[in-house]
Amino acid sequence: MLVLDNHPRLGELPLFKEVLRAAISEVPLQSNLFVSCRHAPPPLLARQRAIGSLAVIDWEEMRL
């Protein structure tokens, strides 16, 4: 599990994007990566979201 608390501020840190991108690329294809955060996924994850390898469960869905 990866928890990104206050990821908008993390994105301002040098090398954060490269480190996160590298970490995601190392996850085996048969595995799942669960990322929990309070905000929408960072733009860094847009590609994963576009190709369907990233699912977003927002607050409304969580309440169900």
C-alpha atoms as a PDB file:
ATOM      1  CA  MET A   1       0.000   0.000   0.000  1.00  0.00           C
ATOM      2  CA  LEU A   2       1.202   3.475  -0.822  1.00  0.00           C
ATOM      3  CA  VAL A   3      -0.349   6.406   1.023  1.00  0.00           C
ATOM      4  CA  LEU A   4       0.177   9.860  -0.484  1.00  0.00           C
ATOM      5  CA  ASP A   5      -0.839  12.316   2.174  1.00  0.00           C
ATOM      6  CA  ASN A   6      -0.888  15.873   0.859  1.00  0.00           C
ATOM      7  CA  HIS A   7       0.515  14.793  -2.503  1.00  0.00           C
ATOM      8  CA  PRO A   8       0.129  18.269  -4.066  1.00  0.00           C
ATOM      9  CA  ARG A   9       2.954  19.428  -1.789  1.00  0.00           C
ATOM     10  CA  LEU A  10       4.955  16.268  -2.448  1.00  0.00           C
ATOM     11  CA  GLY A  11       4.833  17.044  -6.151  1.00  0.00           C
ATOM     12  CA  GLU A  12       6.740  20.231  -5.423  1.00  0.00           C
ATOM     13  CA  LEU A  13       9.698  18.289  -4.019  1.00  0.00           C
ATOM     14  CA  PRO A  14      12.636  17.673  -6.355  1.00  0.00           C
ATOM     15  CA  LEU A  15      12.755  14.166  -7.815  1.00  0.00           C
ATOM     16  CA  PHE A  16       9.355  13.145  -6.379  1.00  0.00           C
ATOM     17  CA  LYS A  17       7.874  12.502  -9.816  1.00  0.00           C
ATOM     18  CA  GLU A  18      10.814  10.398 -10.950  1.00  0.00           C
ATOM     19  CA  VAL A  19      10.808   8.364  -7.745  1.00  0.00           C
ATOM     20  CA  LEU A  20       7.061   7.722  -7.927  1.00  0.00           C
ATOM     21  CA  ARG A  21       7.233   6.858 -11.632  1.00  0.00           C
ATOM     22  CA  ALA A  22      10.120   4.447 -10.981  1.00  0.00           C
ATOM     23  CA  ALA A  23       8.286   2.812  -8.073  1.00  0.00           C
ATOM     24  CA  ILE A  24       5.163   2.270 -10.179  1.00  0.00           C
ATOM     25  CA  SER A  25       7.179   0.786 -13.035  1.00  0.00           C
ATOM     26  CA  GLU A  26       8.674  -1.814 -10.670  1.00  0.00           C
ATOM     27  CA  VAL A  27       5.304  -3.273  -9.614  1.00  0.00           C
ATOM     28  CA  PRO A  28       4.942  -6.709 -11.253  1.00  0.00           C
ATOM     29  CA  LEU A  29       2.128  -7.003 -13.821  1.00  0.00           C
ATOM     30  CA  GLN A  30       0.258  -9.586 -11.751  1.00  0.00           C
ATOM     31  CA  SER A  31       0.291  -7.361  -8.677  1.00  0.00           C
ATOM     32  CA  ASN A  32      -1.965  -4.572  -7.528  1.00  0.00           C
ATOM     33  CA  LEU A  33      -0.846  -1.213  -6.240  1.00  0.00           C
ATOM     34  CA  PHE A  34      -3.191   0.549  -3.845  1.00  0.00           C
ATOM     35  CA  VAL A  35      -2.661   4.269  -3.463  1.00  0.00           C
ATOM     36  CA  SER A  36      -4.684   6.168  -0.916  1.00  0.00           C
ATOM     37  CA  CYS A  37      -4.829   9.943  -0.875  1.00  0.00           C
ATOM     38  CA  ARG A  38      -7.215  12.757  -0.042  1.00  0.00           C
ATOM     39  CA  HIS A  39      -7.045  14.393  -3.465  1.00  0.00           C
ATOM     40  CA  ALA A  40      -7.437  13.348  -7.073  1.00  0.00           C
ATOM     41  CA  PRO A  41      -4.483  11.405  -8.453  1.00  0.00           C
ATOM     42  CA  PRO A  42      -1.560  13.577  -9.497  1.00  0.00           C
ATOM     43  CA  PRO A  43      -1.137  14.274 -13.225  1.00  0.00           C
ATOM     44  CA  LEU A  44       1.847  11.932 -13.066  1.00  0.00           C
ATOM     45  CA  LEU A  45      -0.637   9.026 -12.978  1.00  0.00           C
ATOM     46  CA  ALA A  46      -2.742  10.246 -15.920  1.00  0.00           C
ATOM     47  CA  ARG A  47      -1.312   7.631 -18.295  1.00  0.00           C
ATOM     48  CA  GLN A  48      -2.169   4.773 -15.941  1.00  0.00           C
ATOM     49  CA  ARG A  49      -5.667   6.160 -15.536  1.00  0.00           C
ATOM     50  CA  ALA A  50      -6.120   6.548 -19.316  1.00  0.00           C
ATOM     51  CA  ILE A  51      -5.119   2.965 -20.115  1.00  0.00           C
ATOM     52  CA  GLY A  52      -7.274   1.566 -17.318  1.00  0.00           C
ATOM     53  CA  SER A  53      -4.513   0.360 -15.023  1.00  0.00           C
ATOM     54  CA  LEU A  54      -5.530   2.920 -12.397  1.00  0.00           C
ATOM     55  CA  ALA A  55      -8.981   2.951 -10.884  1.00  0.00           C
ATOM     56  CA  VAL A  56     -10.175   5.894  -8.824  1.00  0.00           C
ATOM     57  CA  ILE A  57     -12.693   5.397  -6.038  1.00  0.00           C
ATOM     58  CA  ASP A  58     -13.945   8.793  -4.959  1.00  0.00           C
ATOM     59  CA  TRP A  59     -15.751   9.822  -1.787  1.00  0.00           C
ATOM     60  CA  GLU A  60     -19.229   9.170  -3.179  1.00  0.00           C
ATOM     61  CA  GLU A  61     -18.310   5.603  -4.108  1.00  0.00           C
ATOM     62  CA  MET A  62     -16.630   5.042  -0.760  1.00  0.00           C
ATOM     63  CA  ARG A  63     -19.802   6.026   1.081  1.00  0.00           C
ATOM     64  CA  LEU A  64     -21.719   3.192  -0.586  1.00  0.00           C
END
